[in-house]
Amino acid sequence: MTDRSFLFVLGSSRSGGNTEILARQAAEQLPAGTRQHWVDLAASDLPDFQDGRHEAEGWTPGESEAMLRRATLEATDVVIASPLYWYALSAHTKRYLDYWSGWLTSPGSDFKQRMAGRTLWGVTAMADHDEARAEGLVTGLHHTAAYLRMHFGGVLLGNGSRPGQVRDDERATIRAKTFFAQDAPLARFP
């Protein structure tokens, strides 16, 4: 067993979609015994984030939020597996990251300090063959990592629109074999 613990956050509106297939291909390459926790945001009852930073009454977290916060803080590596929707993260994924804003400012929070030094990764499948179309998604994840002083392992990109089509993307399959073994430098703002 390794001392790393991966949280895979599935942000697709479709269970078993191309992004999840690609994420699972990459996860299969992790050393035996590496802890993995998979969360499907579409199956979660996580409500829209309500920004209560400037309200007198505190926010009472629901069960899904508490589970996600705990899973996030227990992971050494957080993998955002979101399809490319309109050149950015999916709504499910964006909602999850919006909760990070609340966790940063909740009373007694040490979220930013605890996330520092961990690693953020991305996995996405997209319909377009031009990987430059995913720059908005990649930049958003990179800047999230930089803000929290996390390492950023980059984004594993695959091509696929129809169910299972990403399996035909040989480049993505090859990259998935070594994706989590690559160096993940400390993210810095340009």
N, C-alpha and C. Protein backbone atom coordinates (compact mmCIF):
# COMPACT_ATOMS: atom_id res chain seq x y z
N MET A 1 0.85 -1.18 0.00
CA MET A 1 0.00 0.00 0.00
C MET A 1 0.90 1.24 0.00
N THR A 2 0.52 2.22 -0.82
CA THR A 2 1.27 3.47 -0.85
C THR A 2 0.65 4.46 0.12
N ASP A 3 1.37 5.55 0.38
CA ASP A 3 0.84 6.56 1.30
C ASP A 3 0.00 7.60 0.56
N ARG A 4 -0.23 7.38 -0.72
CA ARG A 4 -1.08 8.29 -1.48
C ARG A 4 -2.52 7.83 -1.43
N SER A 5 -3.42 8.80 -1.50
CA SER A 5 -4.85 8.53 -1.48
C SER A 5 -5.51 9.42 -2.53
N PHE A 6 -6.17 8.80 -3.51
CA PHE A 6 -6.76 9.53 -4.62
C PHE A 6 -8.26 9.68 -4.44
N LEU A 7 -8.74 10.90 -4.61
CA LEU A 7 -10.17 11.17 -4.68
C LEU A 7 -10.48 11.47 -6.14
N PHE A 8 -11.32 10.64 -6.75
CA PHE A 8 -11.77 10.85 -8.12
C PHE A 8 -13.16 11.46 -8.07
N VAL A 9 -13.27 12.69 -8.54
CA VAL A 9 -14.54 13.42 -8.53
C VAL A 9 -15.09 13.40 -9.95
N LEU A 10 -16.13 12.61 -10.15
CA LEU A 10 -16.74 12.45 -11.47
C LEU A 10 -17.79 13.54 -11.67
N GLY A 11 -17.59 14.39 -12.67
CA GLY A 11 -18.47 15.53 -12.87
C GLY A 11 -19.35 15.45 -14.10
N SER A 12 -19.47 14.27 -14.69
CA SER A 12 -20.30 14.13 -15.88
C SER A 12 -21.77 13.97 -15.52
N SER A 13 -22.63 14.34 -16.42
CA SER A 13 -24.06 14.11 -16.20
C SER A 13 -24.44 12.70 -16.64
N ARG A 14 -23.48 11.97 -17.19
CA ARG A 14 -23.72 10.61 -17.68
C ARG A 14 -22.80 9.64 -16.94
N SER A 15 -23.35 8.68 -16.25
CA SER A 15 -22.57 7.67 -15.56
C SER A 15 -21.89 6.77 -16.58
N GLY A 16 -20.62 6.45 -16.35
CA GLY A 16 -19.89 5.57 -17.24
C GLY A 16 -19.52 6.21 -18.56
N GLY A 17 -19.50 7.53 -18.61
CA GLY A 17 -19.18 8.25 -19.84
C GLY A 17 -17.70 8.21 -20.19
N ASN A 18 -17.36 8.88 -21.26
CA ASN A 18 -15.98 8.86 -21.77
C ASN A 18 -14.96 9.39 -20.77
N THR A 19 -15.29 10.43 -20.06
CA THR A 19 -14.36 10.97 -19.07
C THR A 19 -14.11 9.96 -17.96
N GLU A 20 -15.15 9.33 -17.48
CA GLU A 20 -14.98 8.31 -16.44
C GLU A 20 -14.17 7.12 -16.95
N ILE A 21 -14.42 6.70 -18.18
CA ILE A 21 -13.66 5.59 -18.77
C ILE A 21 -12.17 5.94 -18.78
N LEU A 22 -11.84 7.15 -19.22
CA LEU A 22 -10.45 7.59 -19.29
C LEU A 22 -9.83 7.69 -17.90
N ALA A 23 -10.59 8.21 -16.94
CA ALA A 23 -10.09 8.30 -15.56
C ALA A 23 -9.81 6.91 -14.99
N ARG A 24 -10.68 5.96 -15.27
CA ARG A 24 -10.48 4.60 -14.77
C ARG A 24 -9.30 3.92 -15.45
N GLN A 25 -9.06 4.22 -16.73
CA GLN A 25 -7.87 3.69 -17.40
C GLN A 25 -6.60 4.18 -16.71
N ALA A 26 -6.58 5.46 -16.37
CA ALA A 26 -5.41 6.02 -15.68
C ALA A 26 -5.28 5.45 -14.27
N ALA A 27 -6.40 5.29 -13.57
CA ALA A 27 -6.37 4.77 -12.19
C ALA A 27 -5.89 3.32 -12.14
N GLU A 28 -6.14 2.56 -13.19
CA GLU A 28 -5.68 1.16 -13.23
C GLU A 28 -4.17 1.06 -13.17
N GLN A 29 -3.48 2.13 -13.51
CA GLN A 29 -2.02 2.13 -13.54
C GLN A 29 -1.40 2.50 -12.19
N LEU A 30 -2.22 2.92 -11.24
CA LEU A 30 -1.68 3.28 -9.92
C LEU A 30 -1.11 2.03 -9.25
N PRO A 31 -0.11 2.21 -8.40
CA PRO A 31 0.46 1.06 -7.71
C PRO A 31 -0.60 0.32 -6.88
N ALA A 32 -0.44 -0.98 -6.80
CA ALA A 32 -1.36 -1.80 -6.00
C ALA A 32 -1.41 -1.26 -4.59
N GLY A 33 -2.59 -1.21 -4.04
CA GLY A 33 -2.77 -0.74 -2.67
C GLY A 33 -3.01 0.75 -2.54
N THR A 34 -2.91 1.49 -3.65
CA THR A 34 -3.17 2.93 -3.58
C THR A 34 -4.66 3.13 -3.30
N ARG A 35 -4.94 3.90 -2.26
CA ARG A 35 -6.34 4.14 -1.89
C ARG A 35 -7.02 5.01 -2.94
N GLN A 36 -8.24 4.62 -3.30
CA GLN A 36 -9.05 5.37 -4.27
C GLN A 36 -10.46 5.52 -3.72
N HIS A 37 -10.96 6.73 -3.81
CA HIS A 37 -12.34 7.02 -3.43
C HIS A 37 -12.97 7.69 -4.65
N TRP A 38 -14.05 7.12 -5.14
CA TRP A 38 -14.73 7.64 -6.32
C TRP A 38 -16.06 8.26 -5.90
N VAL A 39 -16.31 9.50 -6.35
CA VAL A 39 -17.55 10.19 -6.04
C VAL A 39 -18.18 10.66 -7.35
N ASP A 40 -19.42 10.26 -7.57
CA ASP A 40 -20.17 10.68 -8.76
C ASP A 40 -21.06 11.85 -8.35
N LEU A 41 -20.69 13.04 -8.79
CA LEU A 41 -21.43 14.24 -8.39
C LEU A 41 -22.87 14.24 -8.90
N ALA A 42 -23.12 13.61 -10.04
CA ALA A 42 -24.49 13.57 -10.57
C ALA A 42 -25.41 12.74 -9.67
N ALA A 43 -24.84 11.78 -8.95
CA ALA A 43 -25.63 10.94 -8.05
C ALA A 43 -25.72 11.54 -6.65
N SER A 44 -25.04 12.64 -6.44
CA SER A 44 -25.03 13.30 -5.13
C SER A 44 -26.21 14.27 -5.03
N ASP A 45 -26.68 14.47 -3.82
CA ASP A 45 -27.75 15.46 -3.64
C ASP A 45 -27.18 16.80 -3.16
N LEU A 46 -26.00 17.14 -3.65
CA LEU A 46 -25.35 18.40 -3.30
C LEU A 46 -26.12 19.56 -3.92
N PRO A 47 -26.68 20.44 -3.09
CA PRO A 47 -27.44 21.57 -3.64
C PRO A 47 -26.50 22.63 -4.22
N ASP A 48 -27.06 23.58 -4.94
CA ASP A 48 -26.25 24.70 -5.41
C ASP A 48 -25.59 25.37 -4.23
N PHE A 49 -24.38 25.85 -4.43
CA PHE A 49 -23.63 26.52 -3.38
C PHE A 49 -24.26 27.87 -3.07
N GLN A 50 -24.44 28.17 -1.81
CA GLN A 50 -24.95 29.46 -1.36
C GLN A 50 -23.82 30.17 -0.61
N ASP A 51 -23.36 31.27 -1.14
CA ASP A 51 -22.25 32.01 -0.53
C ASP A 51 -22.76 32.76 0.70
N GLY A 52 -22.36 32.29 1.87
CA GLY A 52 -22.81 32.91 3.11
C GLY A 52 -21.69 33.58 3.88
N ARG A 53 -20.61 33.94 3.18
CA ARG A 53 -19.45 34.52 3.87
C ARG A 53 -19.77 35.78 4.66
N HIS A 54 -20.73 36.54 4.20
CA HIS A 54 -21.00 37.84 4.83
C HIS A 54 -22.33 37.86 5.58
N GLU A 55 -22.84 36.70 5.89
CA GLU A 55 -24.09 36.61 6.64
C GLU A 55 -23.78 36.27 8.10
N ALA A 56 -24.63 36.77 8.97
CA ALA A 56 -24.41 36.57 10.41
C ALA A 56 -24.57 35.11 10.80
N GLU A 57 -25.54 34.44 10.22
CA GLU A 57 -25.77 33.04 10.56
C GLU A 57 -24.88 32.16 9.70
N GLY A 58 -24.26 31.18 10.31
CA GLY A 58 -23.37 30.28 9.58
C GLY A 58 -24.14 29.30 8.73
N TRP A 59 -23.45 28.71 7.80
CA TRP A 59 -23.99 27.71 6.89
C TRP A 59 -23.93 26.36 7.58
N THR A 60 -25.02 25.64 7.58
CA THR A 60 -25.04 24.30 8.14
C THR A 60 -24.87 23.31 7.00
N PRO A 61 -23.73 22.61 6.95
CA PRO A 61 -23.49 21.70 5.84
C PRO A 61 -24.43 20.50 5.88
N GLY A 62 -24.87 20.10 4.69
CA GLY A 62 -25.68 18.89 4.56
C GLY A 62 -24.79 17.66 4.53
N GLU A 63 -25.41 16.50 4.49
CA GLU A 63 -24.66 15.24 4.53
C GLU A 63 -23.72 15.09 3.33
N SER A 64 -24.19 15.42 2.13
CA SER A 64 -23.35 15.29 0.93
C SER A 64 -22.16 16.24 0.99
N GLU A 65 -22.41 17.46 1.43
CA GLU A 65 -21.31 18.42 1.53
C GLU A 65 -20.29 17.95 2.55
N ALA A 66 -20.74 17.49 3.70
CA ALA A 66 -19.82 17.03 4.74
C ALA A 66 -18.99 15.85 4.25
N MET A 67 -19.61 14.92 3.52
CA MET A 67 -18.89 13.78 2.98
C MET A 67 -17.84 14.22 1.97
N LEU A 68 -18.22 15.15 1.08
CA LEU A 68 -17.28 15.63 0.07
C LEU A 68 -16.11 16.39 0.70
N ARG A 69 -16.39 17.20 1.68
CA ARG A 69 -15.31 17.94 2.36
C ARG A 69 -14.35 16.98 3.03
N ARG A 70 -14.90 16.00 3.73
CA ARG A 70 -14.06 15.00 4.40
C ARG A 70 -13.21 14.23 3.38
N ALA A 71 -13.84 13.77 2.30
CA ALA A 71 -13.12 13.02 1.27
C ALA A 71 -12.03 13.87 0.62
N THR A 72 -12.33 15.14 0.41
CA THR A 72 -11.36 16.05 -0.20
C THR A 72 -10.15 16.22 0.71
N LEU A 73 -10.40 16.43 1.98
CA LEU A 73 -9.31 16.65 2.93
C LEU A 73 -8.51 15.38 3.23
N GLU A 74 -9.11 14.22 3.04
CA GLU A 74 -8.40 12.96 3.29
C GLU A 74 -7.51 12.56 2.12
N ALA A 75 -7.71 13.15 0.96
CA ALA A 75 -6.97 12.77 -0.24
C ALA A 75 -5.65 13.52 -0.36
N THR A 76 -4.62 12.81 -0.79
CA THR A 76 -3.36 13.48 -1.14
C THR A 76 -3.43 13.99 -2.57
N ASP A 77 -4.28 13.35 -3.37
CA ASP A 77 -4.42 13.67 -4.78
C ASP A 77 -5.91 13.78 -5.11
N VAL A 78 -6.32 14.92 -5.65
CA VAL A 78 -7.71 15.13 -6.06
C VAL A 78 -7.74 15.15 -7.58
N VAL A 79 -8.56 14.28 -8.15
CA VAL A 79 -8.67 14.17 -9.60
C VAL A 79 -10.04 14.68 -10.02
N ILE A 80 -10.06 15.77 -10.75
CA ILE A 80 -11.30 16.32 -11.27
C ILE A 80 -11.53 15.69 -12.64
N ALA A 81 -12.53 14.84 -12.73
CA ALA A 81 -12.85 14.16 -13.98
C ALA A 81 -14.13 14.77 -14.53
N SER A 82 -13.96 15.76 -15.39
CA SER A 82 -15.09 16.52 -15.93
C SER A 82 -15.01 16.54 -17.44
N PRO A 83 -16.10 16.21 -18.12
CA PRO A 83 -16.09 16.40 -19.57
C PRO A 83 -15.95 17.89 -19.88
N LEU A 84 -15.48 18.17 -21.07
CA LEU A 84 -15.40 19.55 -21.53
C LEU A 84 -16.78 19.97 -22.04
N TYR A 85 -17.44 20.83 -21.29
CA TYR A 85 -18.75 21.36 -21.67
C TYR A 85 -18.57 22.85 -21.94
N TRP A 86 -18.84 23.27 -23.14
CA TRP A 86 -18.71 24.67 -23.51
C TRP A 86 -17.36 25.25 -23.09
N TYR A 87 -16.30 24.49 -23.34
CA TYR A 87 -14.92 24.92 -23.16
C TYR A 87 -14.53 25.10 -21.70
N ALA A 88 -15.27 24.48 -20.81
CA ALA A 88 -15.00 24.63 -19.38
C ALA A 88 -15.44 23.37 -18.63
N LEU A 89 -15.38 23.44 -17.32
CA LEU A 89 -15.83 22.35 -16.46
C LEU A 89 -17.34 22.20 -16.53
N SER A 90 -17.81 21.00 -16.22
CA SER A 90 -19.25 20.76 -16.15
C SER A 90 -19.86 21.52 -14.97
N ALA A 91 -21.16 21.70 -15.00
CA ALA A 91 -21.86 22.39 -13.91
C ALA A 91 -21.70 21.63 -12.60
N HIS A 92 -21.77 20.30 -12.64
CA HIS A 92 -21.60 19.50 -11.42
C HIS A 92 -20.22 19.77 -10.80
N THR A 93 -19.20 19.80 -11.65
CA THR A 93 -17.84 20.01 -11.16
C THR A 93 -17.66 21.41 -10.63
N LYS A 94 -18.19 22.38 -11.34
CA LYS A 94 -18.07 23.77 -10.90
C LYS A 94 -18.76 23.96 -9.55
N ARG A 95 -19.90 23.31 -9.36
CA ARG A 95 -20.61 23.40 -8.07
C ARG A 95 -19.71 22.86 -6.95
N TYR A 96 -19.07 21.72 -7.18
CA TYR A 96 -18.16 21.14 -6.18
C TYR A 96 -17.05 22.13 -5.84
N LEU A 97 -16.43 22.72 -6.85
CA LEU A 97 -15.35 23.67 -6.59
C LEU A 97 -15.87 24.94 -5.92
N ASP A 98 -17.11 25.34 -6.21
CA ASP A 98 -17.69 26.48 -5.51
C ASP A 98 -17.75 26.22 -4.01
N TYR A 99 -18.01 24.98 -3.63
CA TYR A 99 -18.02 24.65 -2.21
C TYR A 99 -16.65 24.86 -1.57
N TRP A 100 -15.59 24.74 -2.34
CA TRP A 100 -14.27 25.01 -1.79
C TRP A 100 -14.21 26.44 -1.26
N SER A 101 -14.90 27.37 -1.93
CA SER A 101 -14.94 28.77 -1.45
C SER A 101 -15.53 28.84 -0.05
N GLY A 102 -16.60 28.11 0.17
CA GLY A 102 -17.21 28.08 1.50
C GLY A 102 -16.31 27.43 2.53
N TRP A 103 -15.63 26.36 2.13
CA TRP A 103 -14.74 25.66 3.06
C TRP A 103 -13.53 26.52 3.43
N LEU A 104 -13.15 27.43 2.52
CA LEU A 104 -12.05 28.34 2.81
C LEU A 104 -12.39 29.33 3.92
N THR A 105 -13.67 29.68 3.99
CA THR A 105 -14.06 30.77 4.89
C THR A 105 -14.93 30.32 6.06
N SER A 106 -15.20 29.02 6.17
CA SER A 106 -16.03 28.58 7.29
C SER A 106 -15.27 28.79 8.60
N PRO A 107 -15.98 29.09 9.69
CA PRO A 107 -15.33 29.36 10.97
C PRO A 107 -14.37 28.24 11.37
N GLY A 108 -13.16 28.65 11.75
CA GLY A 108 -12.15 27.69 12.17
C GLY A 108 -11.56 26.88 11.03
N SER A 109 -11.83 27.32 9.80
CA SER A 109 -11.37 26.56 8.64
C SER A 109 -9.86 26.61 8.49
N ASP A 110 -9.32 25.47 8.17
CA ASP A 110 -7.91 25.40 7.81
C ASP A 110 -7.78 24.74 6.44
N PHE A 111 -8.84 24.90 5.63
CA PHE A 111 -8.91 24.23 4.33
C PHE A 111 -7.73 24.60 3.44
N LYS A 112 -7.42 25.89 3.33
CA LYS A 112 -6.32 26.31 2.46
C LYS A 112 -4.99 25.74 2.93
N GLN A 113 -4.76 25.77 4.22
CA GLN A 113 -3.51 25.23 4.76
C GLN A 113 -3.42 23.72 4.55
N ARG A 114 -4.52 23.03 4.70
CA ARG A 114 -4.52 21.57 4.55
C ARG A 114 -4.40 21.13 3.10
N MET A 115 -4.89 21.94 2.18
CA MET A 115 -4.80 21.58 0.76
C MET A 115 -3.41 21.88 0.18
N ALA A 116 -2.70 22.80 0.79
CA ALA A 116 -1.36 23.15 0.30
C ALA A 116 -0.47 21.90 0.28
N GLY A 117 0.24 21.72 -0.81
CA GLY A 117 1.15 20.60 -0.96
C GLY A 117 0.52 19.35 -1.55
N ARG A 118 -0.80 19.30 -1.60
CA ARG A 118 -1.47 18.15 -2.23
C ARG A 118 -1.40 18.35 -3.74
N THR A 119 -1.94 17.40 -4.49
CA THR A 119 -1.86 17.48 -5.94
C THR A 119 -3.25 17.45 -6.56
N LEU A 120 -3.46 18.36 -7.52
CA LEU A 120 -4.69 18.43 -8.28
C LEU A 120 -4.41 17.94 -9.70
N TRP A 121 -5.26 17.06 -10.18
CA TRP A 121 -5.17 16.50 -11.53
C TRP A 121 -6.50 16.73 -12.24
N GLY A 122 -6.48 16.66 -13.55
CA GLY A 122 -7.70 16.73 -14.32
C GLY A 122 -7.76 15.63 -15.36
N VAL A 123 -8.95 15.19 -15.66
CA VAL A 123 -9.19 14.23 -16.75
C VAL A 123 -10.42 14.74 -17.47
N THR A 124 -10.34 14.82 -18.80
CA THR A 124 -11.50 15.26 -19.56
C THR A 124 -11.56 14.58 -20.92
N ALA A 125 -12.76 14.30 -21.33
CA ALA A 125 -13.01 13.86 -22.70
C ALA A 125 -13.77 14.97 -23.39
N MET A 126 -13.46 15.14 -24.67
CA MET A 126 -14.08 16.21 -25.43
C MET A 126 -14.37 15.75 -26.84
N ALA A 127 -15.32 16.38 -27.48
CA ALA A 127 -15.73 16.00 -28.83
C ALA A 127 -14.76 16.51 -29.88
N ASP A 128 -14.08 17.60 -29.61
CA ASP A 128 -13.18 18.23 -30.57
C ASP A 128 -11.81 17.55 -30.54
N HIS A 129 -11.18 17.41 -31.68
CA HIS A 129 -9.84 16.82 -31.74
C HIS A 129 -8.76 17.85 -31.41
N ASP A 130 -9.07 19.12 -31.47
CA ASP A 130 -8.10 20.17 -31.19
C ASP A 130 -8.03 20.39 -29.67
N GLU A 131 -6.96 19.92 -29.07
CA GLU A 131 -6.83 19.98 -27.61
C GLU A 131 -6.75 21.41 -27.08
N ALA A 132 -6.44 22.37 -27.94
CA ALA A 132 -6.42 23.77 -27.51
C ALA A 132 -7.80 24.23 -27.06
N ARG A 133 -8.85 23.54 -27.49
CA ARG A 133 -10.21 23.90 -27.08
C ARG A 133 -10.42 23.71 -25.57
N ALA A 134 -9.56 22.93 -24.94
CA ALA A 134 -9.70 22.66 -23.50
C ALA A 134 -8.88 23.62 -22.64
N GLU A 135 -8.27 24.64 -23.23
CA GLU A 135 -7.40 25.54 -22.47
C GLU A 135 -8.12 26.22 -21.31
N GLY A 136 -9.39 26.58 -21.48
CA GLY A 136 -10.14 27.21 -20.39
C GLY A 136 -10.26 26.29 -19.19
N LEU A 137 -10.57 25.03 -19.43
CA LEU A 137 -10.68 24.04 -18.36
C LEU A 137 -9.33 23.85 -17.68
N VAL A 138 -8.27 23.69 -18.49
CA VAL A 138 -6.93 23.48 -17.94
C VAL A 138 -6.49 24.68 -17.11
N THR A 139 -6.72 25.87 -17.63
CA THR A 139 -6.32 27.09 -16.91
C THR A 139 -7.09 27.21 -15.60
N GLY A 140 -8.38 26.92 -15.62
CA GLY A 140 -9.18 26.99 -14.39
C GLY A 140 -8.66 26.06 -13.31
N LEU A 141 -8.32 24.83 -13.68
CA LEU A 141 -7.79 23.88 -12.70
C LEU A 141 -6.40 24.30 -12.23
N HIS A 142 -5.57 24.75 -13.17
CA HIS A 142 -4.23 25.19 -12.79
C HIS A 142 -4.29 26.34 -11.79
N HIS A 143 -5.14 27.32 -12.06
CA HIS A 143 -5.23 28.48 -11.16
C HIS A 143 -5.81 28.10 -9.80
N THR A 144 -6.73 27.13 -9.79
CA THR A 144 -7.26 26.63 -8.52
C THR A 144 -6.12 26.04 -7.69
N ALA A 145 -5.29 25.24 -8.33
CA ALA A 145 -4.15 24.64 -7.64
C ALA A 145 -3.17 25.72 -7.17
N ALA A 146 -2.91 26.70 -8.02
CA ALA A 146 -1.97 27.77 -7.65
C ALA A 146 -2.48 28.56 -6.44
N TYR A 147 -3.75 28.88 -6.42
CA TYR A 147 -4.33 29.64 -5.32
C TYR A 147 -4.17 28.89 -3.99
N LEU A 148 -4.32 27.58 -4.04
CA LEU A 148 -4.25 26.78 -2.81
C LEU A 148 -2.85 26.24 -2.54
N ARG A 149 -1.88 26.66 -3.34
CA ARG A 149 -0.48 26.21 -3.20
C ARG A 149 -0.39 24.68 -3.31
N MET A 150 -1.13 24.16 -4.28
CA MET A 150 -1.12 22.73 -4.57
C MET A 150 -0.19 22.46 -5.75
N HIS A 151 0.17 21.22 -5.91
CA HIS A 151 0.87 20.78 -7.11
C HIS A 151 -0.21 20.56 -8.18
N PHE A 152 0.20 20.68 -9.45
CA PHE A 152 -0.74 20.46 -10.54
C PHE A 152 -0.14 19.47 -11.51
N GLY A 153 -0.83 18.34 -11.67
CA GLY A 153 -0.34 17.28 -12.55
C GLY A 153 -0.78 17.42 -13.98
N GLY A 154 -1.55 18.45 -14.29
CA GLY A 154 -2.02 18.63 -15.65
C GLY A 154 -3.36 17.95 -15.87
N VAL A 155 -3.76 17.91 -17.14
CA VAL A 155 -5.05 17.34 -17.52
C VAL A 155 -4.82 16.27 -18.59
N LEU A 156 -5.33 15.09 -18.33
CA LEU A 156 -5.33 14.00 -19.30
C LEU A 156 -6.50 14.24 -20.24
N LEU A 157 -6.19 14.48 -21.50
CA LEU A 157 -7.22 14.80 -22.49
C LEU A 157 -7.50 13.60 -23.38
N GLY A 158 -8.76 13.37 -23.64
CA GLY A 158 -9.16 12.30 -24.55
C GLY A 158 -10.26 12.79 -25.47
N ASN A 159 -10.41 12.09 -26.58
CA ASN A 159 -11.43 12.46 -27.55
C ASN A 159 -12.53 11.43 -27.56
N GLY A 160 -13.75 11.89 -27.42
CA GLY A 160 -14.89 11.00 -27.48
C GLY A 160 -16.18 11.74 -27.20
N SER A 161 -17.16 11.51 -28.01
CA SER A 161 -18.47 12.12 -27.81
C SER A 161 -19.53 11.04 -27.58
N ARG A 162 -19.60 10.09 -28.49
CA ARG A 162 -20.56 9.00 -28.34
C ARG A 162 -20.08 8.08 -27.22
N PRO A 163 -20.99 7.42 -26.50
CA PRO A 163 -20.61 6.55 -25.39
C PRO A 163 -19.53 5.54 -25.77
N GLY A 164 -18.45 5.52 -24.97
CA GLY A 164 -17.36 4.58 -25.16
C GLY A 164 -16.35 4.96 -26.23
N GLN A 165 -16.58 6.03 -26.94
CA GLN A 165 -15.73 6.43 -28.06
C GLN A 165 -14.30 6.74 -27.65
N VAL A 166 -14.08 7.16 -26.42
CA VAL A 166 -12.73 7.50 -25.97
C VAL A 166 -11.80 6.28 -26.02
N ARG A 167 -12.36 5.09 -25.99
CA ARG A 167 -11.54 3.87 -26.08
C ARG A 167 -10.80 3.79 -27.43
N ASP A 168 -11.29 4.50 -28.43
CA ASP A 168 -10.66 4.52 -29.75
C ASP A 168 -9.55 5.55 -29.86
N ASP A 169 -9.36 6.37 -28.83
CA ASP A 169 -8.33 7.40 -28.84
C ASP A 169 -7.03 6.78 -28.32
N GLU A 170 -6.19 6.34 -29.25
CA GLU A 170 -4.95 5.65 -28.88
C GLU A 170 -4.00 6.56 -28.11
N ARG A 171 -3.91 7.84 -28.49
CA ARG A 171 -3.02 8.77 -27.78
C ARG A 171 -3.44 8.90 -26.32
N ALA A 172 -4.73 9.02 -26.06
CA ALA A 172 -5.22 9.15 -24.68
C ALA A 172 -4.94 7.87 -23.90
N THR A 173 -5.14 6.72 -24.52
CA THR A 173 -4.89 5.45 -23.85
C THR A 173 -3.42 5.32 -23.46
N ILE A 174 -2.53 5.73 -24.35
CA ILE A 174 -1.09 5.69 -24.06
C ILE A 174 -0.75 6.66 -22.93
N ARG A 175 -1.27 7.87 -22.99
CA ARG A 175 -1.00 8.87 -21.94
C ARG A 175 -1.56 8.44 -20.59
N ALA A 176 -2.70 7.72 -20.60
CA ALA A 176 -3.31 7.27 -19.35
C ALA A 176 -2.40 6.31 -18.60
N LYS A 177 -1.57 5.56 -19.30
CA LYS A 177 -0.71 4.56 -18.67
C LYS A 177 0.35 5.19 -17.75
N THR A 178 0.74 6.42 -18.01
CA THR A 178 1.78 7.06 -17.20
C THR A 178 1.32 8.37 -16.57
N PHE A 179 0.06 8.71 -16.72
CA PHE A 179 -0.40 10.02 -16.29
C PHE A 179 -0.10 10.32 -14.83
N PHE A 180 -0.47 9.44 -13.92
CA PHE A 180 -0.28 9.71 -12.50
C PHE A 180 1.16 9.46 -12.03
N ALA A 181 2.01 8.94 -12.90
CA ALA A 181 3.41 8.71 -12.56
C ALA A 181 4.29 9.92 -12.89
N GLN A 182 3.74 10.87 -13.62
CA GLN A 182 4.52 12.03 -14.02
C GLN A 182 4.73 13.01 -12.87
N ASP A 183 5.71 13.86 -13.03
CA ASP A 183 6.00 14.89 -12.04
C ASP A 183 4.87 15.90 -12.01
N ALA A 184 4.48 16.31 -10.84
CA ALA A 184 3.43 17.31 -10.65
C ALA A 184 4.04 18.50 -9.93
N PRO A 185 4.50 19.52 -10.68
CA PRO A 185 5.15 20.66 -10.04
C PRO A 185 4.17 21.52 -9.25
N LEU A 186 4.72 22.30 -8.34
CA LEU A 186 3.91 23.24 -7.59
C LEU A 186 3.32 24.24 -8.58
N ALA A 187 2.03 24.43 -8.52
CA ALA A 187 1.36 25.35 -9.44
C ALA A 187 1.65 26.79 -9.03
N ARG A 188 1.91 27.60 -10.01
CA ARG A 188 2.19 29.02 -9.78
C ARG A 188 1.43 29.85 -10.80
N PHE A 189 0.93 31.00 -10.36
CA PHE A 189 0.29 31.90 -11.30
C PHE A 189 1.32 32.45 -12.26
N PRO A 190 0.94 32.65 -13.53
CA PRO A 190 1.91 33.20 -14.50
C PRO A 190 2.33 34.60 -14.12
